[in-house]
N, C-alpha and C. Protein backbone atom coordinates (compact mmCIF):
# COMPACT_ATOMS: atom_id res chain seq x y z
N MET A 1 165.91 109.24 105.72
CA MET A 1 165.18 110.38 106.22
C MET A 1 166.17 111.53 106.42
N GLU A 2 165.86 112.69 105.88
CA GLU A 2 166.73 113.86 105.99
C GLU A 2 166.73 114.40 107.41
N LYS A 3 167.76 115.20 107.68
CA LYS A 3 167.89 115.84 108.99
C LYS A 3 166.66 116.71 109.28
N ASP A 4 166.25 117.51 108.29
CA ASP A 4 165.08 118.38 108.47
C ASP A 4 163.82 117.57 108.71
N SER A 5 163.70 116.44 108.04
CA SER A 5 162.53 115.58 108.20
C SER A 5 162.46 115.03 109.62
N VAL A 6 163.60 114.64 110.16
CA VAL A 6 163.64 114.14 111.54
C VAL A 6 163.18 115.25 112.49
N TYR A 7 163.65 116.46 112.27
CA TYR A 7 163.27 117.59 113.12
C TYR A 7 161.77 117.87 113.02
N ILE A 8 161.25 117.85 111.81
CA ILE A 8 159.81 118.09 111.62
C ILE A 8 158.99 117.02 112.33
N HIS A 9 159.40 115.77 112.21
CA HIS A 9 158.67 114.69 112.89
C HIS A 9 158.81 114.80 114.41
N TYR A 10 159.94 115.29 114.87
CA TYR A 10 160.11 115.56 116.30
C TYR A 10 159.11 116.63 116.75
N LEU A 11 158.99 117.71 115.97
CA LEU A 11 158.04 118.79 116.32
C LEU A 11 156.60 118.28 116.30
N ILE A 12 156.27 117.43 115.35
CA ILE A 12 154.92 116.86 115.28
C ILE A 12 154.65 116.04 116.54
N GLY A 13 155.58 115.18 116.89
CA GLY A 13 155.42 114.35 118.10
C GLY A 13 155.37 115.17 119.36
N ASP A 14 156.18 116.22 119.42
CA ASP A 14 156.20 117.10 120.58
C ASP A 14 154.85 117.79 120.76
N LEU A 15 154.29 118.31 119.67
CA LEU A 15 152.99 118.97 119.75
C LEU A 15 151.90 117.97 120.13
N GLU A 16 151.92 116.81 119.53
CA GLU A 16 150.91 115.79 119.83
C GLU A 16 150.96 115.39 121.30
N SER A 17 152.15 115.15 121.82
CA SER A 17 152.30 114.78 123.23
C SER A 17 151.85 115.91 124.15
N TYR A 18 152.21 117.13 123.79
CA TYR A 18 151.85 118.31 124.58
C TYR A 18 150.33 118.45 124.68
N VAL A 19 149.66 118.32 123.55
CA VAL A 19 148.20 118.47 123.53
C VAL A 19 147.53 117.34 124.31
N ILE A 20 147.96 116.11 124.10
CA ILE A 20 147.35 114.97 124.80
C ILE A 20 147.52 115.12 126.31
N ASP A 21 148.73 115.45 126.73
CA ASP A 21 149.02 115.60 128.16
C ASP A 21 148.20 116.73 128.79
N ASN A 22 148.18 117.86 128.13
CA ASN A 22 147.49 119.01 128.71
C ASN A 22 145.98 118.93 128.56
N LYS A 23 145.52 118.23 127.56
CA LYS A 23 144.07 118.02 127.41
C LYS A 23 143.53 117.30 128.65
N ALA A 24 144.21 116.25 129.05
CA ALA A 24 143.78 115.49 130.24
C ALA A 24 143.85 116.34 131.50
N LYS A 25 144.92 117.10 131.66
CA LYS A 25 145.07 117.94 132.85
C LYS A 25 144.00 119.02 132.91
N ILE A 26 143.72 119.65 131.78
CA ILE A 26 142.73 120.73 131.75
C ILE A 26 141.32 120.17 131.96
N GLU A 27 141.02 119.03 131.37
CA GLU A 27 139.71 118.41 131.61
C GLU A 27 139.52 118.10 133.08
N LYS A 28 140.57 117.65 133.73
CA LYS A 28 140.50 117.34 135.16
C LYS A 28 140.23 118.62 135.96
N ILE A 29 140.90 119.70 135.61
CA ILE A 29 140.67 120.98 136.30
C ILE A 29 139.23 121.45 136.11
N ILE A 30 138.76 121.41 134.89
CA ILE A 30 137.40 121.88 134.59
C ILE A 30 136.35 121.02 135.29
N ASN A 31 136.54 119.72 135.29
CA ASN A 31 135.55 118.81 135.87
C ASN A 31 135.57 118.78 137.40
N SER A 32 136.66 119.23 138.00
CA SER A 32 136.77 119.15 139.46
C SER A 32 136.37 120.45 140.17
N ARG A 33 136.06 121.48 139.42
CA ARG A 33 135.75 122.76 140.06
C ARG A 33 134.48 123.38 139.49
N GLU A 34 133.74 124.05 140.36
CA GLU A 34 132.56 124.77 139.89
C GLU A 34 132.98 126.08 139.25
N ASN A 35 133.92 126.78 139.88
CA ASN A 35 134.47 128.02 139.34
C ASN A 35 135.98 127.89 139.25
N LEU A 36 136.52 128.41 138.19
CA LEU A 36 137.97 128.35 138.04
C LEU A 36 138.62 129.55 138.72
N SER A 37 139.72 129.30 139.36
CA SER A 37 140.48 130.39 139.98
C SER A 37 141.28 131.12 138.90
N VAL A 38 141.83 132.24 139.27
CA VAL A 38 142.70 132.97 138.35
C VAL A 38 143.88 132.08 137.96
N GLU A 39 144.42 131.36 138.92
CA GLU A 39 145.57 130.48 138.65
C GLU A 39 145.20 129.37 137.66
N ASP A 40 144.00 128.80 137.83
CA ASP A 40 143.54 127.78 136.88
C ASP A 40 143.41 128.36 135.48
N SER A 41 142.82 129.54 135.40
CA SER A 41 142.63 130.20 134.11
C SER A 41 143.97 130.52 133.46
N LEU A 42 144.91 131.02 134.27
CA LEU A 42 146.25 131.32 133.75
C LEU A 42 146.89 130.06 133.18
N TYR A 43 146.79 128.98 133.92
CA TYR A 43 147.35 127.71 133.49
C TYR A 43 146.76 127.28 132.15
N ILE A 44 145.45 127.34 132.04
CA ILE A 44 144.76 126.92 130.82
C ILE A 44 145.14 127.80 129.65
N PHE A 45 145.11 129.11 129.84
CA PHE A 45 145.44 130.02 128.74
C PHE A 45 146.91 129.90 128.33
N ASP A 46 147.79 129.67 129.29
CA ASP A 46 149.21 129.45 128.96
C ASP A 46 149.37 128.19 128.11
N LYS A 47 148.64 127.14 128.46
CA LYS A 47 148.73 125.89 127.69
C LYS A 47 148.15 126.07 126.29
N PHE A 48 147.06 126.82 126.16
CA PHE A 48 146.51 127.12 124.84
C PHE A 48 147.55 127.88 124.02
N SER A 49 148.13 128.92 124.60
CA SER A 49 149.10 129.74 123.90
C SER A 49 150.32 128.92 123.48
N ASN A 50 150.84 128.11 124.39
CA ASN A 50 152.03 127.31 124.07
C ASN A 50 151.75 126.27 122.99
N SER A 51 150.57 125.67 123.00
CA SER A 51 150.25 124.68 121.97
C SER A 51 150.16 125.36 120.60
N LEU A 52 149.64 126.57 120.57
CA LEU A 52 149.56 127.30 119.30
C LEU A 52 150.94 127.78 118.85
N LYS A 53 151.81 128.11 119.79
CA LYS A 53 153.19 128.45 119.41
C LYS A 53 153.88 127.25 118.78
N LYS A 54 153.66 126.08 119.34
CA LYS A 54 154.23 124.86 118.77
C LYS A 54 153.65 124.61 117.37
N THR A 55 152.39 124.94 117.18
CA THR A 55 151.76 124.81 115.87
C THR A 55 152.40 125.76 114.87
N THR A 56 152.69 126.98 115.28
CA THR A 56 153.32 127.94 114.37
C THR A 56 154.71 127.45 113.94
N ASN A 57 155.41 126.76 114.83
CA ASN A 57 156.72 126.22 114.46
C ASN A 57 156.60 125.24 113.29
N LEU A 58 155.56 124.42 113.33
CA LEU A 58 155.33 123.48 112.23
C LEU A 58 154.91 124.21 110.95
N ILE A 59 154.06 125.19 111.10
CA ILE A 59 153.58 125.93 109.92
C ILE A 59 154.75 126.63 109.22
N LYS A 60 155.65 127.21 110.01
CA LYS A 60 156.81 127.90 109.43
C LYS A 60 157.63 126.96 108.55
N LEU A 61 157.74 125.71 108.96
CA LEU A 61 158.57 124.75 108.23
C LEU A 61 157.84 124.08 107.08
N SER A 62 156.54 124.30 106.95
CA SER A 62 155.75 123.57 105.95
C SER A 62 156.21 123.82 104.53
N ARG A 63 156.75 124.98 104.25
CA ARG A 63 157.22 125.28 102.89
C ARG A 63 158.38 124.35 102.49
N GLU A 64 159.13 123.88 103.48
CA GLU A 64 160.29 123.03 103.22
C GLU A 64 159.94 121.53 103.17
N ILE A 65 158.72 121.18 103.54
CA ILE A 65 158.33 119.77 103.58
C ILE A 65 157.96 119.31 102.18
N GLU A 66 158.66 118.28 101.73
CA GLU A 66 158.41 117.75 100.38
C GLU A 66 157.37 116.64 100.38
N ASP A 67 157.32 115.86 101.44
CA ASP A 67 156.44 114.70 101.52
C ASP A 67 154.99 115.12 101.80
N THR A 68 154.09 114.70 100.92
CA THR A 68 152.67 115.03 101.06
C THR A 68 152.08 114.45 102.34
N GLY A 69 152.51 113.25 102.70
CA GLY A 69 152.01 112.61 103.93
C GLY A 69 152.38 113.42 105.16
N THR A 70 153.59 113.97 105.18
CA THR A 70 154.02 114.79 106.31
C THR A 70 153.23 116.10 106.34
N LEU A 71 152.98 116.69 105.18
CA LEU A 71 152.14 117.90 105.13
C LEU A 71 150.75 117.61 105.67
N ARG A 72 150.20 116.45 105.30
CA ARG A 72 148.87 116.05 105.79
C ARG A 72 148.92 115.89 107.32
N THR A 73 149.98 115.27 107.84
CA THR A 73 150.13 115.09 109.28
C THR A 73 150.20 116.43 109.99
N VAL A 74 150.95 117.37 109.43
CA VAL A 74 151.02 118.72 110.01
C VAL A 74 149.63 119.35 110.02
N SER A 75 148.89 119.20 108.94
CA SER A 75 147.53 119.75 108.87
C SER A 75 146.62 119.09 109.89
N ILE A 76 146.75 117.78 110.07
CA ILE A 76 145.90 117.04 111.02
C ILE A 76 146.20 117.46 112.45
N ILE A 77 147.47 117.48 112.84
CA ILE A 77 147.80 117.83 114.22
C ILE A 77 147.47 119.30 114.49
N SER A 78 147.63 120.16 113.51
CA SER A 78 147.25 121.57 113.68
C SER A 78 145.74 121.69 113.86
N SER A 79 144.99 120.95 113.05
CA SER A 79 143.54 120.95 113.15
C SER A 79 143.08 120.43 114.52
N GLU A 80 143.70 119.33 114.97
CA GLU A 80 143.34 118.76 116.27
C GLU A 80 143.65 119.72 117.42
N THR A 81 144.76 120.43 117.32
CA THR A 81 145.14 121.39 118.36
C THR A 81 144.12 122.52 118.43
N ILE A 82 143.77 123.05 117.29
CA ILE A 82 142.80 124.15 117.23
C ILE A 82 141.43 123.68 117.70
N ALA A 83 141.03 122.48 117.28
CA ALA A 83 139.74 121.93 117.70
C ALA A 83 139.71 121.74 119.21
N TRP A 84 140.79 121.24 119.78
CA TRP A 84 140.87 121.06 121.24
C TRP A 84 140.62 122.39 121.95
N ILE A 85 141.29 123.42 121.52
CA ILE A 85 141.12 124.74 122.15
C ILE A 85 139.71 125.25 121.92
N MET A 86 139.25 125.14 120.70
CA MET A 86 137.92 125.66 120.35
C MET A 86 136.80 124.98 121.14
N PHE A 87 136.91 123.67 121.33
CA PHE A 87 135.85 122.95 122.03
C PHE A 87 136.03 122.94 123.55
N THR A 88 137.21 123.27 124.02
CA THR A 88 137.45 123.36 125.46
C THR A 88 137.08 124.75 125.98
N LEU A 89 137.33 125.75 125.19
CA LEU A 89 137.11 127.14 125.64
C LEU A 89 135.69 127.41 126.15
N PRO A 90 134.63 126.92 125.51
CA PRO A 90 133.29 127.19 126.06
C PRO A 90 133.10 126.65 127.49
N SER A 91 133.75 125.54 127.81
CA SER A 91 133.66 125.01 129.17
C SER A 91 134.38 125.90 130.16
N VAL A 92 135.38 126.58 129.69
CA VAL A 92 136.19 127.46 130.54
C VAL A 92 135.59 128.86 130.58
N GLU A 93 135.09 129.30 129.46
CA GLU A 93 134.63 130.67 129.27
C GLU A 93 133.61 131.13 130.32
N SER A 94 132.69 130.27 130.68
CA SER A 94 131.61 130.67 131.59
C SER A 94 132.07 130.79 133.03
N VAL A 95 133.22 130.23 133.35
CA VAL A 95 133.66 130.25 134.75
C VAL A 95 134.98 131.00 134.98
N ILE A 96 135.55 131.56 133.92
CA ILE A 96 136.80 132.30 134.11
C ILE A 96 136.52 133.71 134.61
N PRO A 97 137.45 134.26 135.36
CA PRO A 97 137.26 135.62 135.88
C PRO A 97 137.69 136.69 134.87
N VAL A 98 137.06 136.65 133.68
CA VAL A 98 137.39 137.59 132.61
C VAL A 98 136.09 138.06 131.98
N PHE A 99 136.03 139.34 131.61
CA PHE A 99 134.85 139.87 130.94
C PHE A 99 134.80 139.37 129.50
N MET A 100 133.60 139.14 129.01
CA MET A 100 133.40 138.60 127.66
C MET A 100 134.08 139.45 126.59
N GLU A 101 134.09 140.77 126.73
CA GLU A 101 134.70 141.62 125.71
C GLU A 101 136.21 141.41 125.61
N ASN A 102 136.80 140.76 126.61
CA ASN A 102 138.23 140.44 126.54
C ASN A 102 138.49 139.18 125.72
N LEU A 103 137.44 138.52 125.26
CA LEU A 103 137.60 137.32 124.46
C LEU A 103 137.35 137.60 122.97
N MET A 104 137.69 138.81 122.56
CA MET A 104 137.51 139.23 121.17
C MET A 104 138.88 139.40 120.51
N ILE A 105 138.96 138.99 119.25
CA ILE A 105 140.16 139.19 118.46
C ILE A 105 139.72 139.68 117.08
N ASP A 106 140.25 140.80 116.66
CA ASP A 106 139.87 141.39 115.38
C ASP A 106 138.35 141.56 115.27
N LYS A 107 137.74 142.07 116.34
CA LYS A 107 136.29 142.33 116.40
C LYS A 107 135.43 141.08 116.25
N ARG A 108 136.03 139.91 116.48
CA ARG A 108 135.29 138.65 116.44
C ARG A 108 135.55 137.92 117.74
N HIS A 109 134.57 137.14 118.15
CA HIS A 109 134.76 136.31 119.33
C HIS A 109 135.84 135.28 119.01
N ILE A 110 136.63 134.93 119.96
CA ILE A 110 137.75 134.00 119.77
C ILE A 110 137.28 132.66 119.21
N ILE A 111 136.09 132.22 119.58
CA ILE A 111 135.56 130.95 119.05
C ILE A 111 135.36 131.05 117.54
N ASP A 112 134.88 132.20 117.07
CA ASP A 112 134.71 132.39 115.63
C ASP A 112 136.04 132.37 114.90
N ALA A 113 137.05 133.02 115.48
CA ALA A 113 138.39 133.03 114.87
C ALA A 113 138.97 131.61 114.82
N LEU A 114 138.80 130.87 115.91
CA LEU A 114 139.27 129.48 115.94
C LEU A 114 138.52 128.62 114.93
N GLY A 115 137.22 128.84 114.82
CA GLY A 115 136.40 128.08 113.87
C GLY A 115 136.85 128.31 112.43
N GLU A 116 137.15 129.55 112.10
CA GLU A 116 137.63 129.87 110.75
C GLU A 116 138.96 129.16 110.49
N LEU A 117 139.82 129.20 111.47
CA LEU A 117 141.12 128.54 111.34
C LEU A 117 140.97 127.02 111.21
N LEU A 118 140.06 126.46 111.97
CA LEU A 118 139.79 125.02 111.91
C LEU A 118 139.33 124.61 110.51
N LEU A 119 138.46 125.41 109.93
CA LEU A 119 137.99 125.14 108.56
C LEU A 119 139.13 125.18 107.56
N GLU A 120 140.02 126.15 107.73
CA GLU A 120 141.19 126.26 106.85
C GLU A 120 142.03 124.98 106.91
N PHE A 121 142.32 124.52 108.12
CA PHE A 121 143.15 123.31 108.26
C PHE A 121 142.42 122.06 107.80
N ASP A 122 141.12 121.99 108.00
CA ASP A 122 140.37 120.83 107.53
C ASP A 122 140.43 120.72 106.00
N GLU A 123 140.42 121.87 105.32
CA GLU A 123 140.57 121.86 103.86
C GLU A 123 141.96 121.37 103.47
N LEU A 124 142.96 121.74 104.27
CA LEU A 124 144.34 121.34 103.97
C LEU A 124 144.58 119.86 104.19
N ILE A 125 143.79 119.23 105.03
CA ILE A 125 143.92 117.79 105.22
C ILE A 125 143.61 117.07 103.91
N GLU A 126 142.62 117.58 103.19
CA GLU A 126 142.22 116.99 101.91
C GLU A 126 143.20 117.35 100.80
N ASN A 127 143.83 118.52 100.90
CA ASN A 127 144.76 118.97 99.87
C ASN A 127 146.00 119.55 100.54
N PRO A 128 146.84 118.69 101.11
CA PRO A 128 147.96 119.15 101.94
C PRO A 128 149.01 119.99 101.21
N GLU A 129 149.12 119.83 99.89
CA GLU A 129 150.11 120.62 99.15
C GLU A 129 149.85 122.12 99.27
N LYS A 130 148.60 122.50 99.48
CA LYS A 130 148.25 123.92 99.60
C LYS A 130 148.84 124.55 100.87
N LEU A 131 149.25 123.71 101.82
CA LEU A 131 149.84 124.23 103.05
C LEU A 131 151.10 125.04 102.74
N ARG A 132 151.85 124.60 101.75
CA ARG A 132 153.08 125.32 101.38
C ARG A 132 152.79 126.75 100.97
N SER A 133 151.74 126.96 100.19
CA SER A 133 151.45 128.31 99.70
C SER A 133 150.65 129.14 100.70
N ALA A 134 149.92 128.49 101.59
CA ALA A 134 149.10 129.23 102.56
C ALA A 134 149.81 129.41 103.89
N ASN A 135 151.06 128.95 103.99
CA ASN A 135 151.70 128.91 105.30
C ASN A 135 151.88 130.28 105.94
N ARG A 136 152.16 131.32 105.18
CA ARG A 136 152.36 132.65 105.78
C ARG A 136 151.06 133.17 106.40
N GLU A 137 149.97 133.07 105.67
CA GLU A 137 148.66 133.52 106.16
C GLU A 137 148.24 132.73 107.41
N LEU A 138 148.41 131.42 107.35
CA LEU A 138 148.04 130.57 108.48
C LEU A 138 148.94 130.86 109.69
N PHE A 139 150.22 131.07 109.42
CA PHE A 139 151.15 131.40 110.50
C PHE A 139 150.67 132.64 111.23
N VAL A 140 150.31 133.67 110.50
CA VAL A 140 149.86 134.93 111.10
C VAL A 140 148.59 134.70 111.92
N MET A 141 147.65 133.96 111.36
CA MET A 141 146.38 133.71 112.07
C MET A 141 146.62 132.93 113.37
N VAL A 142 147.39 131.85 113.30
CA VAL A 142 147.65 131.03 114.49
C VAL A 142 148.47 131.82 115.50
N ASN A 143 149.46 132.55 115.01
CA ASN A 143 150.29 133.35 115.91
C ASN A 143 149.47 134.42 116.61
N ASP A 144 148.56 135.07 115.90
CA ASP A 144 147.71 136.10 116.52
C ASP A 144 146.87 135.51 117.64
N ILE A 145 146.33 134.32 117.42
CA ILE A 145 145.50 133.69 118.46
C ILE A 145 146.37 133.24 119.62
N SER A 146 147.57 132.74 119.32
CA SER A 146 148.50 132.36 120.38
C SER A 146 148.85 133.58 121.24
N MET A 147 149.14 134.69 120.57
CA MET A 147 149.48 135.92 121.30
C MET A 147 148.28 136.43 122.09
N PHE A 148 147.08 136.23 121.56
CA PHE A 148 145.86 136.62 122.27
C PHE A 148 145.78 135.91 123.62
N PHE A 149 145.97 134.59 123.60
CA PHE A 149 145.91 133.84 124.85
C PHE A 149 147.07 134.22 125.77
N GLY A 150 148.24 134.46 125.20
CA GLY A 150 149.37 134.90 126.00
C GLY A 150 149.11 136.25 126.64
N HIS A 151 148.53 137.17 125.88
CA HIS A 151 148.19 138.51 126.39
C HIS A 151 147.12 138.41 127.47
N LEU A 152 146.13 137.59 127.24
CA LEU A 152 145.06 137.39 128.23
C LEU A 152 145.65 136.85 129.53
N SER A 153 146.57 135.91 129.42
CA SER A 153 147.24 135.38 130.62
C SER A 153 148.00 136.47 131.34
N GLU A 154 148.71 137.28 130.58
CA GLU A 154 149.51 138.35 131.20
C GLU A 154 148.63 139.37 131.90
N ILE A 155 147.51 139.73 131.30
CA ILE A 155 146.58 140.68 131.94
C ILE A 155 146.05 140.08 133.24
N MET A 156 145.67 138.81 133.19
CA MET A 156 145.15 138.15 134.40
C MET A 156 146.24 138.02 135.46
N ARG A 157 147.45 137.74 135.03
CA ARG A 157 148.58 137.60 135.95
C ARG A 157 148.83 138.94 136.67
N LYS A 158 148.84 140.02 135.91
CA LYS A 158 149.06 141.35 136.50
C LYS A 158 147.92 141.72 137.43
N GLY A 159 146.69 141.38 137.05
CA GLY A 159 145.53 141.65 137.90
C GLY A 159 145.60 140.87 139.20
N ALA A 160 146.08 139.65 139.14
CA ALA A 160 146.19 138.81 140.33
C ALA A 160 147.26 139.36 141.27
N VAL A 161 148.35 139.88 140.71
CA VAL A 161 149.44 140.42 141.53
C VAL A 161 148.99 141.72 142.20
N GLU A 162 148.28 142.55 141.46
CA GLU A 162 147.84 143.84 142.00
C GLU A 162 146.77 143.68 143.06
N ASN A 163 145.96 142.62 142.98
CA ASN A 163 144.91 142.41 143.95
C ASN A 163 145.45 141.63 145.06
């Protein structure tokens, strides 16, 4: 196994562990409260943003991955990460202290943007070699959504400090 391959598998494991750990924590927060506090929302959005940043790290390296199985694994873990966020967000959306218009990216609701991205990765699971050629476009899309959640967290953080 090459040095780069070990690093890529480390990143895959790191993202998988991060998502599993935070999925359980976020589900516990959502299920234990009727309304989420600003702090809860900040925590959730930070975890969404960080998981997508970890996903972009894998996407950046996909051009260098020679093994089709590893490309498929990158596509699967990326798809699972996006699906987790996409299916968790509606549970959070109705109780967060944020206006609906703040959940828009490129004139689309964030769920629609995540859904489009999920479809892209689901196609790549079936044909993982395409990840090498689509990596720049996917990187930009995932990074934009990651930055969206990061920006949303920062706005909420500043609002909490000012109030």
